[in-house]
Amino acid sequence: MAGKEKNVSFDTALGLMRRMGFLEASGPAGTADATGATRLAKAGDRLIPVPISAHVDSFDGEPALDLVLDVLDEVPQCRELRFTSVDDGRGVRTADLSAIRLNELVDDVCARFAIKIDPNGIGYRREGDPAFSFETAAIFQRNRRGVGKRKITPSLIRDAAEVYKHHFEDGPIGKVATAFNVSPRTASGWITKARELGYLSKTTRGKKAK
């Protein structure tokens, strides 16, 4: 936003972004759209309208890529990812997933929509300033590297438990680790905590329980 919007509510700020056309972005590789955003999520000293839908165009017959992005515990995340073969293009390969630098892509897209929080209010967004987007993406990446030190809240444990239950028959610990960008050991600890808090059933020796 040009200038500073001080002492306004999140709903008002989201409305301003929508009216000023700040909920859409495009570039040489694709587009991103936050017109369906339902809230502003905090990520450090930035606010991001979420969810964000992003599309990466097909190049030279490679599959196109669609993502849904959100912010959890102040860290931007990919919550949905889909490859789609294009007409006369090749099929989806295992290598396609390893070829994308997912965390960097997520951070870069979210940075395009970020608003910097001002001490006196919601703050401002430097529209069209690449330095601001680079600075914001760098902050997100630093936050991501420190993700293992984030505060473990009941809400976080409950969300991990939901992922575990959803993938109960398909390597649930690994799915939790991937969803929250943590090690399997950390994910296992969260699931133990989820059982202690009653979000999951207690286990018995030799049996897996959800």
N, C-alpha and C. Protein backbone atom coordinates (compact mmCIF):
# COMPACT_ATOMS: atom_id res chain seq x y z
N MET A 1 0.84 -1.18 0.00
CA MET A 1 0.00 0.00 0.00
C MET A 1 0.88 1.24 0.00
N ALA A 2 0.47 2.26 -0.71
CA ALA A 2 1.24 3.49 -0.70
C ALA A 2 1.05 4.15 0.64
N GLY A 3 2.14 4.63 1.25
CA GLY A 3 2.05 5.25 2.55
C GLY A 3 1.81 4.24 3.63
N LYS A 4 1.20 4.71 4.75
CA LYS A 4 0.97 3.82 5.88
C LYS A 4 -0.49 3.85 6.28
N GLU A 5 -1.04 2.66 6.53
CA GLU A 5 -2.39 2.54 7.04
C GLU A 5 -2.27 2.17 8.51
N LYS A 6 -2.60 3.13 9.39
CA LYS A 6 -2.38 2.90 10.81
C LYS A 6 -3.69 2.65 11.54
N ASN A 7 -3.58 1.81 12.59
CA ASN A 7 -4.69 1.58 13.49
C ASN A 7 -5.96 1.13 12.77
N VAL A 8 -5.82 0.21 11.84
CA VAL A 8 -6.98 -0.35 11.16
C VAL A 8 -7.03 -1.84 11.45
N SER A 9 -8.22 -2.41 11.38
CA SER A 9 -8.38 -3.83 11.68
C SER A 9 -7.85 -4.68 10.54
N PHE A 10 -7.63 -5.96 10.82
CA PHE A 10 -7.18 -6.88 9.78
C PHE A 10 -8.22 -6.95 8.66
N ASP A 11 -9.52 -6.99 9.02
CA ASP A 11 -10.55 -7.05 8.00
C ASP A 11 -10.53 -5.82 7.11
N THR A 12 -10.29 -4.66 7.71
CA THR A 12 -10.22 -3.42 6.93
C THR A 12 -9.02 -3.45 6.01
N ALA A 13 -7.88 -3.92 6.52
CA ALA A 13 -6.67 -3.99 5.69
C ALA A 13 -6.87 -4.94 4.53
N LEU A 14 -7.52 -6.09 4.79
CA LEU A 14 -7.78 -7.06 3.72
C LEU A 14 -8.71 -6.45 2.68
N GLY A 15 -9.69 -5.70 3.14
CA GLY A 15 -10.60 -5.04 2.22
C GLY A 15 -9.89 -4.01 1.37
N LEU A 16 -8.97 -3.26 1.98
CA LEU A 16 -8.19 -2.28 1.22
C LEU A 16 -7.35 -2.96 0.15
N MET A 17 -6.70 -4.05 0.51
CA MET A 17 -5.88 -4.78 -0.46
C MET A 17 -6.73 -5.27 -1.62
N ARG A 18 -7.93 -5.74 -1.30
CA ARG A 18 -8.80 -6.27 -2.35
C ARG A 18 -9.23 -5.15 -3.30
N ARG A 19 -9.62 -3.99 -2.74
CA ARG A 19 -10.09 -2.89 -3.58
C ARG A 19 -8.96 -2.30 -4.41
N MET A 20 -7.73 -2.34 -3.91
CA MET A 20 -6.60 -1.74 -4.62
C MET A 20 -5.89 -2.72 -5.54
N GLY A 21 -6.44 -3.92 -5.66
CA GLY A 21 -5.86 -4.89 -6.59
C GLY A 21 -4.56 -5.51 -6.13
N PHE A 22 -4.31 -5.52 -4.82
CA PHE A 22 -3.05 -6.05 -4.29
C PHE A 22 -3.14 -7.54 -3.98
N LEU A 23 -4.25 -8.19 -4.37
CA LEU A 23 -4.40 -9.61 -4.07
C LEU A 23 -4.14 -10.49 -5.28
N GLU A 24 -3.51 -9.91 -6.30
CA GLU A 24 -3.14 -10.67 -7.49
C GLU A 24 -1.71 -10.30 -7.89
N ALA A 25 -0.97 -11.27 -8.38
CA ALA A 25 0.41 -11.03 -8.83
C ALA A 25 0.70 -11.92 -10.03
N SER A 26 1.58 -11.44 -10.90
CA SER A 26 1.95 -12.24 -12.07
C SER A 26 3.41 -12.00 -12.40
N GLY A 27 3.99 -12.96 -13.09
CA GLY A 27 5.39 -12.85 -13.49
C GLY A 27 5.62 -13.72 -14.71
N PRO A 28 6.87 -13.79 -15.18
CA PRO A 28 7.17 -14.56 -16.39
C PRO A 28 6.85 -16.04 -16.27
N ALA A 29 6.88 -16.57 -15.03
CA ALA A 29 6.71 -18.02 -14.85
C ALA A 29 5.29 -18.42 -14.49
N GLY A 30 4.45 -17.46 -14.08
CA GLY A 30 3.11 -17.85 -13.68
C GLY A 30 2.38 -16.74 -12.96
N THR A 31 1.35 -17.13 -12.19
CA THR A 31 0.50 -16.17 -11.51
C THR A 31 0.25 -16.63 -10.07
N ALA A 32 -0.22 -15.69 -9.25
CA ALA A 32 -0.63 -16.01 -7.89
C ALA A 32 -1.85 -15.15 -7.55
N ASP A 33 -2.72 -15.69 -6.72
CA ASP A 33 -4.02 -15.07 -6.49
C ASP A 33 -4.42 -15.27 -5.03
N ALA A 34 -4.67 -14.15 -4.34
CA ALA A 34 -5.15 -14.22 -2.96
C ALA A 34 -6.51 -13.57 -2.83
N THR A 35 -7.25 -13.51 -3.94
CA THR A 35 -8.56 -12.86 -3.90
C THR A 35 -9.56 -13.62 -3.02
N GLY A 36 -9.27 -14.89 -2.77
CA GLY A 36 -10.14 -15.68 -1.90
C GLY A 36 -9.67 -15.71 -0.46
N ALA A 37 -8.73 -14.82 -0.11
CA ALA A 37 -8.17 -14.81 1.25
C ALA A 37 -9.26 -14.58 2.29
N THR A 38 -9.15 -15.29 3.40
CA THR A 38 -10.12 -15.17 4.47
C THR A 38 -9.55 -14.51 5.72
N ARG A 39 -8.21 -14.33 5.73
CA ARG A 39 -7.61 -13.72 6.90
C ARG A 39 -6.22 -13.21 6.54
N LEU A 40 -5.65 -12.39 7.42
CA LEU A 40 -4.26 -11.99 7.32
C LEU A 40 -3.48 -12.76 8.37
N ALA A 41 -2.51 -13.54 7.94
CA ALA A 41 -1.72 -14.37 8.85
C ALA A 41 -0.40 -13.68 9.15
N LYS A 42 0.03 -13.73 10.39
CA LYS A 42 1.27 -13.10 10.82
C LYS A 42 2.46 -14.01 10.55
N ALA A 43 3.52 -13.44 9.98
CA ALA A 43 4.78 -14.15 9.76
C ALA A 43 5.90 -13.19 10.11
N GLY A 44 6.37 -13.26 11.34
CA GLY A 44 7.35 -12.28 11.80
C GLY A 44 6.69 -10.91 11.89
N ASP A 45 7.31 -9.90 11.25
CA ASP A 45 6.71 -8.57 11.25
C ASP A 45 5.98 -8.31 9.94
N ARG A 46 5.54 -9.38 9.28
CA ARG A 46 4.75 -9.27 8.06
C ARG A 46 3.37 -9.88 8.26
N LEU A 47 2.42 -9.40 7.48
CA LEU A 47 1.09 -10.00 7.41
C LEU A 47 0.86 -10.45 5.98
N ILE A 48 0.27 -11.63 5.82
CA ILE A 48 0.07 -12.21 4.50
C ILE A 48 -1.39 -12.61 4.36
N PRO A 49 -2.07 -12.18 3.28
CA PRO A 49 -3.44 -12.64 3.05
C PRO A 49 -3.41 -14.11 2.61
N VAL A 50 -4.15 -14.95 3.30
CA VAL A 50 -4.14 -16.37 2.97
C VAL A 50 -5.56 -16.91 2.99
N PRO A 51 -5.79 -18.00 2.24
CA PRO A 51 -4.83 -18.77 1.44
C PRO A 51 -4.49 -18.08 0.12
N ILE A 52 -3.36 -18.48 -0.45
CA ILE A 52 -2.92 -17.99 -1.75
C ILE A 52 -2.89 -19.16 -2.72
N SER A 53 -3.44 -18.97 -3.90
CA SER A 53 -3.36 -19.97 -4.96
C SER A 53 -2.30 -19.52 -5.96
N ALA A 54 -1.37 -20.40 -6.29
CA ALA A 54 -0.29 -20.06 -7.21
C ALA A 54 -0.26 -21.05 -8.36
N HIS A 55 0.10 -20.55 -9.54
CA HIS A 55 0.19 -21.40 -10.73
C HIS A 55 1.50 -21.14 -11.43
N VAL A 56 2.26 -22.20 -11.70
CA VAL A 56 3.51 -22.12 -12.46
C VAL A 56 3.26 -22.72 -13.84
N ASP A 57 3.46 -21.92 -14.88
CA ASP A 57 3.15 -22.37 -16.24
C ASP A 57 4.05 -23.52 -16.68
N SER A 58 3.54 -24.30 -17.62
CA SER A 58 4.35 -25.33 -18.27
C SER A 58 5.43 -24.68 -19.11
N PHE A 59 6.59 -25.30 -19.14
CA PHE A 59 7.68 -24.82 -19.98
C PHE A 59 8.25 -25.98 -20.78
N ASP A 60 8.24 -25.84 -22.10
CA ASP A 60 8.82 -26.85 -22.98
C ASP A 60 8.22 -28.23 -22.75
N GLY A 61 6.89 -28.27 -22.54
CA GLY A 61 6.19 -29.55 -22.40
C GLY A 61 6.21 -30.15 -21.01
N GLU A 62 6.86 -29.48 -20.06
CA GLU A 62 6.87 -30.00 -18.69
C GLU A 62 5.51 -29.76 -18.04
N PRO A 63 5.15 -30.55 -17.03
CA PRO A 63 3.85 -30.36 -16.37
C PRO A 63 3.75 -28.98 -15.71
N ALA A 64 2.54 -28.44 -15.70
CA ALA A 64 2.28 -27.21 -14.98
C ALA A 64 2.13 -27.54 -13.49
N LEU A 65 2.26 -26.52 -12.66
CA LEU A 65 2.24 -26.74 -11.22
C LEU A 65 1.26 -25.78 -10.57
N ASP A 66 0.40 -26.30 -9.70
CA ASP A 66 -0.53 -25.47 -8.93
C ASP A 66 -0.33 -25.74 -7.44
N LEU A 67 -0.36 -24.67 -6.65
CA LEU A 67 -0.14 -24.79 -5.21
C LEU A 67 -1.17 -23.97 -4.45
N VAL A 68 -1.46 -24.40 -3.24
CA VAL A 68 -2.24 -23.60 -2.30
C VAL A 68 -1.34 -23.35 -1.09
N LEU A 69 -1.15 -22.09 -0.75
CA LEU A 69 -0.22 -21.70 0.30
C LEU A 69 -0.97 -21.12 1.49
N ASP A 70 -0.42 -21.36 2.68
CA ASP A 70 -0.98 -20.81 3.90
C ASP A 70 0.18 -20.51 4.85
N VAL A 71 -0.15 -20.00 6.02
CA VAL A 71 0.86 -19.69 7.03
C VAL A 71 0.47 -20.37 8.32
N LEU A 72 1.38 -21.14 8.89
CA LEU A 72 1.13 -21.83 10.16
C LEU A 72 2.28 -21.54 11.11
N ASP A 73 1.95 -21.10 12.32
CA ASP A 73 2.97 -20.75 13.30
C ASP A 73 4.00 -19.79 12.70
N GLU A 74 3.52 -18.82 11.94
CA GLU A 74 4.32 -17.74 11.37
C GLU A 74 5.27 -18.20 10.26
N VAL A 75 5.08 -19.40 9.76
CA VAL A 75 5.93 -19.92 8.68
C VAL A 75 5.07 -20.23 7.46
N PRO A 76 5.35 -19.61 6.30
CA PRO A 76 4.62 -19.94 5.07
C PRO A 76 4.78 -21.41 4.72
N GLN A 77 3.68 -22.03 4.28
CA GLN A 77 3.71 -23.45 3.95
C GLN A 77 2.93 -23.73 2.68
N CYS A 78 3.30 -24.80 2.00
CA CYS A 78 2.50 -25.33 0.91
C CYS A 78 1.54 -26.35 1.51
N ARG A 79 0.24 -26.14 1.32
CA ARG A 79 -0.76 -27.04 1.88
C ARG A 79 -1.36 -27.97 0.82
N GLU A 80 -1.13 -27.62 -0.44
CA GLU A 80 -1.62 -28.47 -1.53
C GLU A 80 -0.73 -28.24 -2.74
N LEU A 81 -0.42 -29.33 -3.46
CA LEU A 81 0.45 -29.24 -4.63
C LEU A 81 -0.06 -30.19 -5.69
N ARG A 82 -0.15 -29.69 -6.93
CA ARG A 82 -0.67 -30.54 -8.01
C ARG A 82 0.10 -30.30 -9.30
N PHE A 83 0.62 -31.37 -9.90
CA PHE A 83 1.22 -31.32 -11.22
C PHE A 83 0.16 -31.71 -12.25
N THR A 84 0.15 -31.04 -13.39
CA THR A 84 -0.80 -31.35 -14.46
C THR A 84 -0.09 -31.40 -15.80
N SER A 85 -0.21 -32.52 -16.48
CA SER A 85 0.35 -32.62 -17.82
C SER A 85 -0.44 -31.73 -18.78
N VAL A 86 0.26 -31.13 -19.74
CA VAL A 86 -0.38 -30.26 -20.71
C VAL A 86 -0.50 -31.00 -22.04
N ASP A 87 -1.36 -30.48 -22.92
CA ASP A 87 -1.53 -31.09 -24.24
C ASP A 87 -0.18 -31.21 -24.94
N ASP A 88 0.08 -32.39 -25.49
CA ASP A 88 1.33 -32.67 -26.20
C ASP A 88 2.57 -32.60 -25.29
N GLY A 89 2.35 -32.55 -23.98
CA GLY A 89 3.48 -32.54 -23.06
C GLY A 89 3.70 -33.92 -22.47
N ARG A 90 4.77 -34.08 -21.74
CA ARG A 90 5.08 -35.37 -21.13
C ARG A 90 4.29 -35.57 -19.84
N GLY A 91 4.34 -36.78 -19.32
CA GLY A 91 3.68 -37.09 -18.06
C GLY A 91 4.49 -36.59 -16.86
N VAL A 92 3.87 -36.72 -15.70
CA VAL A 92 4.52 -36.31 -14.46
C VAL A 92 5.53 -37.38 -14.04
N ARG A 93 6.72 -36.95 -13.65
CA ARG A 93 7.78 -37.85 -13.22
C ARG A 93 8.15 -37.61 -11.76
N THR A 94 8.75 -38.60 -11.15
CA THR A 94 9.23 -38.44 -9.77
C THR A 94 10.20 -37.28 -9.68
N ALA A 95 11.01 -37.11 -10.71
CA ALA A 95 12.01 -36.04 -10.70
C ALA A 95 11.39 -34.66 -10.67
N ASP A 96 10.12 -34.52 -11.07
CA ASP A 96 9.49 -33.20 -11.08
C ASP A 96 9.41 -32.62 -9.67
N LEU A 97 9.12 -33.47 -8.69
CA LEU A 97 9.00 -32.99 -7.32
C LEU A 97 10.34 -32.54 -6.77
N SER A 98 11.39 -33.33 -7.05
CA SER A 98 12.71 -32.96 -6.53
C SER A 98 13.29 -31.76 -7.28
N ALA A 99 12.77 -31.49 -8.50
CA ALA A 99 13.33 -30.40 -9.30
C ALA A 99 12.89 -29.03 -8.79
N ILE A 100 11.71 -28.96 -8.15
CA ILE A 100 11.26 -27.66 -7.67
C ILE A 100 11.85 -27.39 -6.29
N ARG A 101 12.27 -26.17 -6.07
CA ARG A 101 12.79 -25.76 -4.76
C ARG A 101 11.59 -25.21 -3.99
N LEU A 102 10.85 -26.13 -3.37
CA LEU A 102 9.52 -25.81 -2.86
C LEU A 102 9.54 -24.71 -1.81
N ASN A 103 10.41 -24.80 -0.81
CA ASN A 103 10.43 -23.79 0.24
C ASN A 103 10.70 -22.40 -0.32
N GLU A 104 11.66 -22.31 -1.24
CA GLU A 104 11.98 -21.01 -1.83
C GLU A 104 10.81 -20.48 -2.64
N LEU A 105 10.15 -21.37 -3.38
CA LEU A 105 8.99 -20.96 -4.17
C LEU A 105 7.88 -20.43 -3.27
N VAL A 106 7.60 -21.16 -2.20
CA VAL A 106 6.56 -20.73 -1.25
C VAL A 106 6.91 -19.37 -0.65
N ASP A 107 8.14 -19.21 -0.21
CA ASP A 107 8.55 -17.94 0.41
C ASP A 107 8.49 -16.79 -0.58
N ASP A 108 8.92 -17.03 -1.81
CA ASP A 108 8.92 -15.96 -2.82
C ASP A 108 7.50 -15.51 -3.15
N VAL A 109 6.58 -16.48 -3.29
CA VAL A 109 5.20 -16.11 -3.60
C VAL A 109 4.57 -15.35 -2.44
N CYS A 110 4.73 -15.85 -1.23
CA CYS A 110 4.14 -15.18 -0.07
C CYS A 110 4.72 -13.78 0.11
N ALA A 111 5.99 -13.61 -0.21
CA ALA A 111 6.63 -12.30 -0.07
C ALA A 111 5.98 -11.26 -0.98
N ARG A 112 5.45 -11.71 -2.13
CA ARG A 112 4.82 -10.77 -3.06
C ARG A 112 3.56 -10.14 -2.47
N PHE A 113 2.96 -10.80 -1.47
CA PHE A 113 1.70 -10.31 -0.90
C PHE A 113 1.87 -9.73 0.50
N ALA A 114 3.09 -9.71 1.01
CA ALA A 114 3.31 -9.34 2.41
C ALA A 114 3.11 -7.85 2.67
N ILE A 115 2.59 -7.57 3.85
CA ILE A 115 2.48 -6.21 4.37
C ILE A 115 3.40 -6.13 5.58
N LYS A 116 4.20 -5.11 5.65
CA LYS A 116 5.06 -4.93 6.83
C LYS A 116 4.27 -4.25 7.94
N ILE A 117 4.37 -4.81 9.13
CA ILE A 117 3.62 -4.27 10.27
C ILE A 117 4.33 -3.03 10.80
N ASP A 118 3.59 -1.94 10.91
CA ASP A 118 4.11 -0.70 11.48
C ASP A 118 3.87 -0.73 12.99
N PRO A 119 4.78 -0.15 13.80
CA PRO A 119 4.56 -0.15 15.26
C PRO A 119 3.23 0.48 15.66
N ASN A 120 2.70 1.39 14.83
CA ASN A 120 1.46 2.08 15.18
C ASN A 120 0.22 1.49 14.52
N GLY A 121 0.38 0.41 13.80
CA GLY A 121 -0.80 -0.13 13.14
C GLY A 121 -0.44 -1.25 12.18
N ILE A 122 -1.28 -1.44 11.16
CA ILE A 122 -1.09 -2.52 10.21
C ILE A 122 0.18 -2.35 9.40
N GLY A 123 0.46 -1.14 8.95
CA GLY A 123 1.71 -0.90 8.24
C GLY A 123 1.54 -0.61 6.78
N TYR A 124 2.45 -1.11 5.96
CA TYR A 124 2.44 -0.74 4.56
C TYR A 124 3.05 -1.84 3.72
N ARG A 125 2.86 -1.72 2.42
CA ARG A 125 3.44 -2.66 1.47
C ARG A 125 4.08 -1.84 0.36
N ARG A 126 5.34 -2.11 0.08
CA ARG A 126 6.03 -1.36 -0.96
C ARG A 126 5.77 -2.02 -2.31
N GLU A 127 4.66 -1.66 -2.91
CA GLU A 127 4.25 -2.27 -4.17
C GLU A 127 5.30 -2.06 -5.25
N GLY A 128 5.68 -3.15 -5.90
CA GLY A 128 6.61 -3.04 -7.03
C GLY A 128 8.06 -2.87 -6.65
N ASP A 129 8.39 -3.01 -5.38
CA ASP A 129 9.77 -2.84 -4.94
C ASP A 129 10.41 -4.21 -4.76
N PRO A 130 11.24 -4.66 -5.71
CA PRO A 130 11.83 -5.99 -5.61
C PRO A 130 12.64 -6.17 -4.33
N ALA A 131 13.31 -5.12 -3.87
CA ALA A 131 14.13 -5.23 -2.66
C ALA A 131 13.28 -5.63 -1.47
N PHE A 132 12.05 -5.12 -1.41
CA PHE A 132 11.16 -5.46 -0.30
C PHE A 132 10.78 -6.93 -0.35
N SER A 133 10.46 -7.43 -1.55
CA SER A 133 10.11 -8.84 -1.69
C SER A 133 11.29 -9.73 -1.35
N PHE A 134 12.50 -9.37 -1.80
CA PHE A 134 13.69 -10.17 -1.49
C PHE A 134 13.95 -10.17 0.01
N GLU A 135 13.80 -9.00 0.64
CA GLU A 135 14.02 -8.89 2.09
C GLU A 135 13.02 -9.75 2.84
N THR A 136 11.75 -9.70 2.41
CA THR A 136 10.71 -10.47 3.06
C THR A 136 10.94 -11.97 2.90
N ALA A 137 11.28 -12.40 1.69
CA ALA A 137 11.53 -13.82 1.45
C ALA A 137 12.70 -14.31 2.30
N ALA A 138 13.72 -13.47 2.45
CA ALA A 138 14.88 -13.84 3.28
C ALA A 138 14.46 -14.03 4.73
N ILE A 139 13.56 -13.17 5.21
CA ILE A 139 13.07 -13.31 6.59
C ILE A 139 12.31 -14.62 6.75
N PHE A 140 11.46 -14.95 5.77
CA PHE A 140 10.70 -16.20 5.83
C PHE A 140 11.66 -17.40 5.86
N GLN A 141 12.73 -17.33 5.07
CA GLN A 141 13.68 -18.43 5.01
C GLN A 141 14.41 -18.58 6.34
N ARG A 142 14.75 -17.46 6.99
CA ARG A 142 15.40 -17.53 8.31
C ARG A 142 14.44 -18.13 9.33
N ASN A 143 13.17 -17.72 9.26
CA ASN A 143 12.18 -18.27 10.18
C ASN A 143 12.03 -19.78 9.97
N ARG A 144 12.08 -20.19 8.69
CA ARG A 144 11.93 -21.61 8.38
C ARG A 144 13.09 -22.41 8.95
N ARG A 145 14.31 -21.87 8.86
CA ARG A 145 15.47 -22.58 9.41
C ARG A 145 15.36 -22.74 10.91
N GLY A 146 14.65 -21.82 11.55
CA GLY A 146 14.46 -21.91 13.00
C GLY A 146 13.18 -22.59 13.39
N VAL A 147 12.56 -23.30 12.42
CA VAL A 147 11.25 -23.88 12.68
C VAL A 147 11.28 -24.88 13.83
N GLY A 148 12.39 -25.55 14.05
CA GLY A 148 12.47 -26.52 15.12
C GLY A 148 12.39 -25.89 16.50
N LYS A 149 12.64 -24.56 16.56
CA LYS A 149 12.62 -23.86 17.84
C LYS A 149 11.29 -23.16 18.10
N ARG A 150 10.32 -23.34 17.19
CA ARG A 150 9.08 -22.61 17.35
C ARG A 150 8.33 -23.12 18.57
N LYS A 151 7.45 -22.30 19.08
CA LYS A 151 6.70 -22.64 20.27
C LYS A 151 5.73 -23.78 19.98
N ILE A 152 5.76 -24.79 20.80
CA ILE A 152 4.88 -25.94 20.63
C ILE A 152 3.58 -25.66 21.38
N THR A 153 2.54 -25.34 20.64
CA THR A 153 1.26 -24.98 21.23
C THR A 153 0.26 -26.13 21.06
N PRO A 154 -0.80 -26.14 21.87
CA PRO A 154 -1.85 -27.16 21.68
C PRO A 154 -2.42 -27.13 20.26
N SER A 155 -2.53 -25.92 19.69
CA SER A 155 -3.06 -25.81 18.33
C SER A 155 -2.14 -26.52 17.33
N LEU A 156 -0.84 -26.35 17.48
CA LEU A 156 0.12 -27.01 16.60
C LEU A 156 0.02 -28.53 16.75
N ILE A 157 -0.05 -29.00 17.99
CA ILE A 157 -0.13 -30.44 18.24
C ILE A 157 -1.43 -31.02 17.69
N ARG A 158 -2.51 -30.26 17.82
CA ARG A 158 -3.80 -30.72 17.28
C ARG A 158 -3.74 -30.82 15.76
N ASP A 159 -3.12 -29.83 15.10
CA ASP A 159 -2.99 -29.87 13.64
C ASP A 159 -2.14 -31.06 13.20
N ALA A 160 -1.06 -31.33 13.94
CA ALA A 160 -0.22 -32.49 13.62
C ALA A 160 -1.00 -33.78 13.78
N ALA A 161 -1.84 -33.83 14.81
CA ALA A 161 -2.67 -35.02 15.03
C ALA A 161 -3.64 -35.24 13.88
N GLU A 162 -4.18 -34.15 13.34
CA GLU A 162 -5.12 -34.27 12.21
C GLU A 162 -4.42 -34.83 10.98
N VAL A 163 -3.20 -34.36 10.72
CA VAL A 163 -2.43 -34.89 9.59
C VAL A 163 -2.16 -36.37 9.80
N TYR A 164 -1.78 -36.74 11.04
CA TYR A 164 -1.50 -38.13 11.38
C TYR A 164 -2.72 -39.01 11.12
N LYS A 165 -3.89 -38.57 11.57
CA LYS A 165 -5.10 -39.37 11.39
C LYS A 165 -5.47 -39.50 9.92
N HIS A 166 -5.29 -38.41 9.19
CA HIS A 166 -5.65 -38.42 7.77
C HIS A 166 -4.79 -39.40 6.98
N HIS A 167 -3.54 -39.58 7.41
CA HIS A 167 -2.60 -40.45 6.69
C HIS A 167 -2.26 -41.70 7.51
N PHE A 168 -3.22 -42.13 8.35
CA PHE A 168 -2.95 -43.21 9.29
C PHE A 168 -2.44 -44.48 8.63
N GLU A 169 -2.95 -44.78 7.44
CA GLU A 169 -2.57 -46.01 6.75
C GLU A 169 -1.42 -45.79 5.76
N ASP A 170 -0.80 -44.62 5.77
CA ASP A 170 0.19 -44.29 4.75
C ASP A 170 1.38 -43.54 5.34
N GLY A 171 2.08 -44.18 6.28
CA GLY A 171 3.27 -43.56 6.86
C GLY A 171 2.98 -42.25 7.55
N PRO A 172 2.13 -42.23 8.58
CA PRO A 172 1.67 -40.98 9.17
C PRO A 172 2.76 -40.10 9.78
N ILE A 173 3.77 -40.70 10.39
CA ILE A 173 4.85 -39.89 10.97
C ILE A 173 5.58 -39.12 9.88
N GLY A 174 5.87 -39.81 8.80
CA GLY A 174 6.54 -39.15 7.68
C GLY A 174 5.70 -38.04 7.09
N LYS A 175 4.38 -38.25 7.02
CA LYS A 175 3.50 -37.23 6.49
C LYS A 175 3.47 -36.00 7.39
N VAL A 176 3.48 -36.21 8.70
CA VAL A 176 3.53 -35.08 9.64
C VAL A 176 4.85 -34.33 9.47
N ALA A 177 5.94 -35.07 9.37
CA ALA A 177 7.26 -34.44 9.21
C ALA A 177 7.29 -33.57 7.95
N THR A 178 6.74 -34.10 6.86
CA THR A 178 6.73 -33.35 5.60
C THR A 178 5.82 -32.14 5.69
N ALA A 179 4.63 -32.31 6.26
CA ALA A 179 3.66 -31.22 6.32
C ALA A 179 4.17 -30.04 7.14
N PHE A 180 4.96 -30.32 8.19
CA PHE A 180 5.40 -29.25 9.07
C PHE A 180 6.89 -28.94 8.94
N ASN A 181 7.53 -29.57 7.94
CA ASN A 181 8.94 -29.28 7.67
C ASN A 181 9.82 -29.53 8.90
N VAL A 182 9.61 -30.68 9.54
CA VAL A 182 10.41 -31.06 10.70
C VAL A 182 10.95 -32.46 10.48
N SER A 183 11.85 -32.90 11.35
CA SER A 183 12.42 -34.24 11.24
C SER A 183 11.39 -35.28 11.71
N PRO A 184 11.51 -36.53 11.24
CA PRO A 184 10.62 -37.58 11.72
C PRO A 184 10.68 -37.73 13.24
N ARG A 185 11.87 -37.52 13.81
CA ARG A 185 11.99 -37.63 15.28
C ARG A 185 11.13 -36.57 15.97
N THR A 186 11.18 -35.33 15.46
CA THR A 186 10.36 -34.27 16.03
C THR A 186 8.88 -34.58 15.84
N ALA A 187 8.52 -35.04 14.63
CA ALA A 187 7.13 -35.38 14.36
C ALA A 187 6.63 -36.46 15.31
N SER A 188 7.47 -37.47 15.57
CA SER A 188 7.09 -38.55 16.49
C SER A 188 6.85 -38.01 17.90
N GLY A 189 7.69 -37.04 18.30
CA GLY A 189 7.50 -36.43 19.62
C GLY A 189 6.19 -35.67 19.71
N TRP A 190 5.83 -34.99 18.62
CA TRP A 190 4.56 -34.27 18.61
C TRP A 190 3.38 -35.23 18.71
N ILE A 191 3.48 -36.38 18.06
CA ILE A 191 2.39 -37.35 18.11
C ILE A 191 2.26 -37.95 19.51
N THR A 192 3.39 -38.17 20.16
CA THR A 192 3.35 -38.63 21.56
C THR A 192 2.63 -37.60 22.42
N LYS A 193 2.95 -36.32 22.17
CA LYS A 193 2.30 -35.24 22.92
C LYS A 193 0.81 -35.19 22.60
N ALA A 194 0.45 -35.44 21.34
CA ALA A 194 -0.96 -35.43 20.95
C ALA A 194 -1.74 -36.50 21.71
N ARG A 195 -1.11 -37.66 21.94
CA ARG A 195 -1.78 -38.71 22.70
C ARG A 195 -1.95 -38.28 24.15
N GLU A 196 -0.93 -37.62 24.69
CA GLU A 196 -1.02 -37.14 26.07
C GLU A 196 -2.14 -36.12 26.25
N LEU A 197 -2.35 -35.30 25.20
CA LEU A 197 -3.38 -34.25 25.27
C LEU A 197 -4.76 -34.76 24.87
N GLY A 198 -4.84 -36.02 24.44
CA GLY A 198 -6.13 -36.59 24.09
C GLY A 198 -6.57 -36.35 22.66
N TYR A 199 -5.67 -35.83 21.81
CA TYR A 199 -6.03 -35.61 20.40
C TYR A 199 -5.95 -36.92 19.61
N LEU A 200 -5.23 -37.90 20.13
CA LEU A 200 -5.12 -39.22 19.52
C LEU A 200 -5.31 -40.27 20.60
N SER A 201 -5.68 -41.48 20.18
CA SER A 201 -5.87 -42.58 21.12
C SER A 201 -4.53 -43.03 21.69
N LYS A 202 -4.58 -43.57 22.88
CA LYS A 202 -3.37 -44.15 23.48
C LYS A 202 -2.98 -45.41 22.73
N THR A 203 -1.70 -45.69 22.69
CA THR A 203 -1.23 -46.91 22.00
C THR A 203 -1.06 -48.03 23.00
N THR A 204 -1.11 -49.26 22.46
CA THR A 204 -0.75 -50.43 23.26
C THR A 204 0.45 -51.10 22.60
N ARG A 205 1.23 -51.80 23.38
CA ARG A 205 2.47 -52.38 22.88
C ARG A 205 2.21 -53.23 21.62
N GLY A 206 2.98 -52.93 20.57
CA GLY A 206 2.90 -53.69 19.34
C GLY A 206 1.78 -53.30 18.41
N LYS A 207 0.99 -52.29 18.80
CA LYS A 207 -0.13 -51.86 17.96
C LYS A 207 -0.08 -50.36 17.74
N LYS A 208 -0.44 -49.95 16.51
CA LYS A 208 -0.53 -48.55 16.18
C LYS A 208 -1.95 -48.10 16.42
N ALA A 209 -2.11 -46.89 16.98
CA ALA A 209 -3.46 -46.40 17.27
C ALA A 209 -3.61 -44.97 16.81
N LYS A 210 -4.82 -44.65 16.42
CA LYS A 210 -5.13 -43.27 16.06
C LYS A 210 -6.23 -42.71 16.95
